[in-house]
C-alpha atoms as a PDB file:
ATOM      1  CA  MET A   1     -14.331 144.522 140.683  1.00  0.00           C
ATOM      2  CA  ASP A   2     -11.660 141.932 140.887  1.00  0.00           C
ATOM      3  CA  ILE A   3      -9.845 141.599 137.693  1.00  0.00           C
ATOM      4  CA  LYS A   4      -7.687 138.643 137.238  1.00  0.00           C
ATOM      5  CA  VAL A   5      -4.327 138.664 135.713  1.00  0.00           C
ATOM      6  CA  SER A   6      -3.197 135.769 134.304  1.00  0.00           C
ATOM      7  CA  ALA A   7       0.438 133.648 134.293  1.00  0.00           C
ATOM      8  CA  ALA A   8       1.248 135.058 130.889  1.00  0.00           C
ATOM      9  CA  PHE A   9       0.441 138.667 132.453  1.00  0.00           C
ATOM     10  CA  LYS A  10       2.743 138.435 134.914  1.00  0.00           C
ATOM     11  CA  LYS A  11       5.535 136.783 132.993  1.00  0.00           C
ATOM     12  CA  GLN A  12       5.383 139.745 130.251  1.00  0.00           C
ATOM     13  CA  THR A  13       5.589 142.806 133.140  1.00  0.00           C
ATOM     14  CA  ALA A  14       8.727 140.584 134.706  1.00  0.00           C
ATOM     15  CA  ASN A  15      10.149 140.374 131.706  1.00  0.00           C
ATOM     16  CA  ALA A  16       9.527 144.201 130.372  1.00  0.00           C
ATOM     17  CA  ILE A  17      10.529 145.163 134.531  1.00  0.00           C
ATOM     18  CA  THR A  18      13.869 143.448 133.711  1.00  0.00           C
ATOM     19  CA  ALA A  19      15.015 145.090 130.410  1.00  0.00           C
ATOM     20  CA  ILE A  20      13.765 148.597 131.608  1.00  0.00           C
ATOM     21  CA  ILE A  21      16.747 147.966 134.479  1.00  0.00           C
ATOM     22  CA  LEU A  22      19.626 146.485 132.432  1.00  0.00           C
ATOM     23  CA  PHE A  23      18.854 148.935 129.741  1.00  0.00           C
ATOM     24  CA  ILE A  24      19.323 151.575 133.290  1.00  0.00           C
ATOM     25  CA  VAL A  25      22.283 149.782 133.966  1.00  0.00           C
ATOM     26  CA  VAL A  26      24.233 149.062 130.777  1.00  0.00           C
ATOM     27  CA  TYR A  27      23.060 152.955 129.771  1.00  0.00           C
ATOM     28  CA  LEU A  28      24.947 154.079 133.093  1.00  0.00           C
ATOM     29  CA  LEU A  29      27.868 152.037 132.156  1.00  0.00           C
ATOM     30  CA  LEU A  30      28.159 153.697 129.333  1.00  0.00           C
ATOM     31  CA  ILE A  31      28.176 157.102 130.771  1.00  0.00           C
ATOM     32  CA  VAL A  32      30.344 156.235 133.022  1.00  0.00           C
ATOM     33  CA  GLY A  33      32.820 154.572 130.239  1.00  0.00           C
ATOM     34  CA  ALA A  34      32.339 158.057 128.631  1.00  0.00           C
ATOM     35  CA  ILE A  35      33.136 160.131 131.268  1.00  0.00           C
ATOM     36  CA  PHE A  36      36.375 157.994 132.193  1.00  0.00           C
ATOM     37  CA  LEU A  37      37.543 158.217 128.197  1.00  0.00           C
ATOM     38  CA  THR A  38      36.740 161.835 128.729  1.00  0.00           C
ATOM     39  CA  LEU A  39      39.278 162.242 131.546  1.00  0.00           C
ATOM     40  CA  LEU A  40      41.544 159.836 130.547  1.00  0.00           C
ATOM     41  CA  LEU A  41      42.309 161.601 126.812  1.00  0.00           C
ATOM     42  CA  GLY A  42      42.087 164.970 128.774  1.00  0.00           C
ATOM     43  CA  SER A  43      44.835 163.832 131.387  1.00  0.00           C
ATOM     44  CA  VAL A  44      46.945 162.312 128.553  1.00  0.00           C
ATOM     45  CA  GLY A  45      46.773 165.162 125.811  1.00  0.00           C
ATOM     46  CA  ILE A  46      47.670 167.592 128.805  1.00  0.00           C
ATOM     47  CA  ALA A  47      50.897 164.954 129.817  1.00  0.00           C
ATOM     48  CA  LEU A  48      52.345 164.638 126.893  1.00  0.00           C
ATOM     49  CA  ILE A  49      51.878 168.861 126.319  1.00  0.00           C
ATOM     50  CA  LEU A  50      54.107 168.901 129.413  1.00  0.00           C
ATOM     51  CA  LEU A  51      56.192 166.076 128.347  1.00  0.00           C
ATOM     52  CA  LYS A  52      57.684 167.547 125.386  1.00  0.00           C
ATOM     53  CA  PRO A  53      57.132 170.620 125.136  1.00  0.00           C
ATOM     54  CA  SER A  54      56.275 171.325 120.734  1.00  0.00           C
ATOM     55  CA  ILE A  55      54.225 172.279 118.191  1.00  0.00           C
ATOM     56  CA  PHE A  56      54.250 168.959 117.456  1.00  0.00           C
ATOM     57  CA  THR A  57      53.533 167.534 120.591  1.00  0.00           C
ATOM     58  CA  LEU A  58      50.946 170.744 121.500  1.00  0.00           C
ATOM     59  CA  VAL A  59      49.197 169.949 118.484  1.00  0.00           C
ATOM     60  CA  ILE A  60      48.706 166.560 119.021  1.00  0.00           C
ATOM     61  CA  GLY A  61      47.606 166.978 123.027  1.00  0.00           C
ATOM     62  CA  VAL A  62      44.777 169.386 122.659  1.00  0.00           C
ATOM     63  CA  GLY A  63      44.018 166.699 119.801  1.00  0.00           C
ATOM     64  CA  LEU A  64      44.165 163.823 122.327  1.00  0.00           C
ATOM     65  CA  ALA A  65      41.888 166.446 124.743  1.00  0.00           C
ATOM     66  CA  SER A  66      39.274 167.923 121.945  1.00  0.00           C
ATOM     67  CA  VAL A  67      38.518 163.808 121.287  1.00  0.00           C
ATOM     68  CA  GLY A  68      38.106 163.338 125.406  1.00  0.00           C
ATOM     69  CA  ALA A  69      35.628 166.244 125.235  1.00  0.00           C
ATOM     70  CA  PHE A  70      33.713 165.348 121.740  1.00  0.00           C
ATOM     71  CA  ILE A  71      33.156 162.026 123.783  1.00  0.00           C
ATOM     72  CA  LEU A  72      30.694 163.734 125.857  1.00  0.00           C
END
């Protein structure tokens, strides 16, 4: 029993596969960007605290690191 597949079906199947692959690529880029931003904000927060230790910079540094943690 042979099932004949139309050209329109093949085209729609290719479009669906392309959309799924594009979704996966964009999703992975967003995850990598979020991880990078988390590491960047954590590093800036720690550097700010070490640059000039005071209660004000401690609050700002911990706040930046917390924002980075909340991204993930």
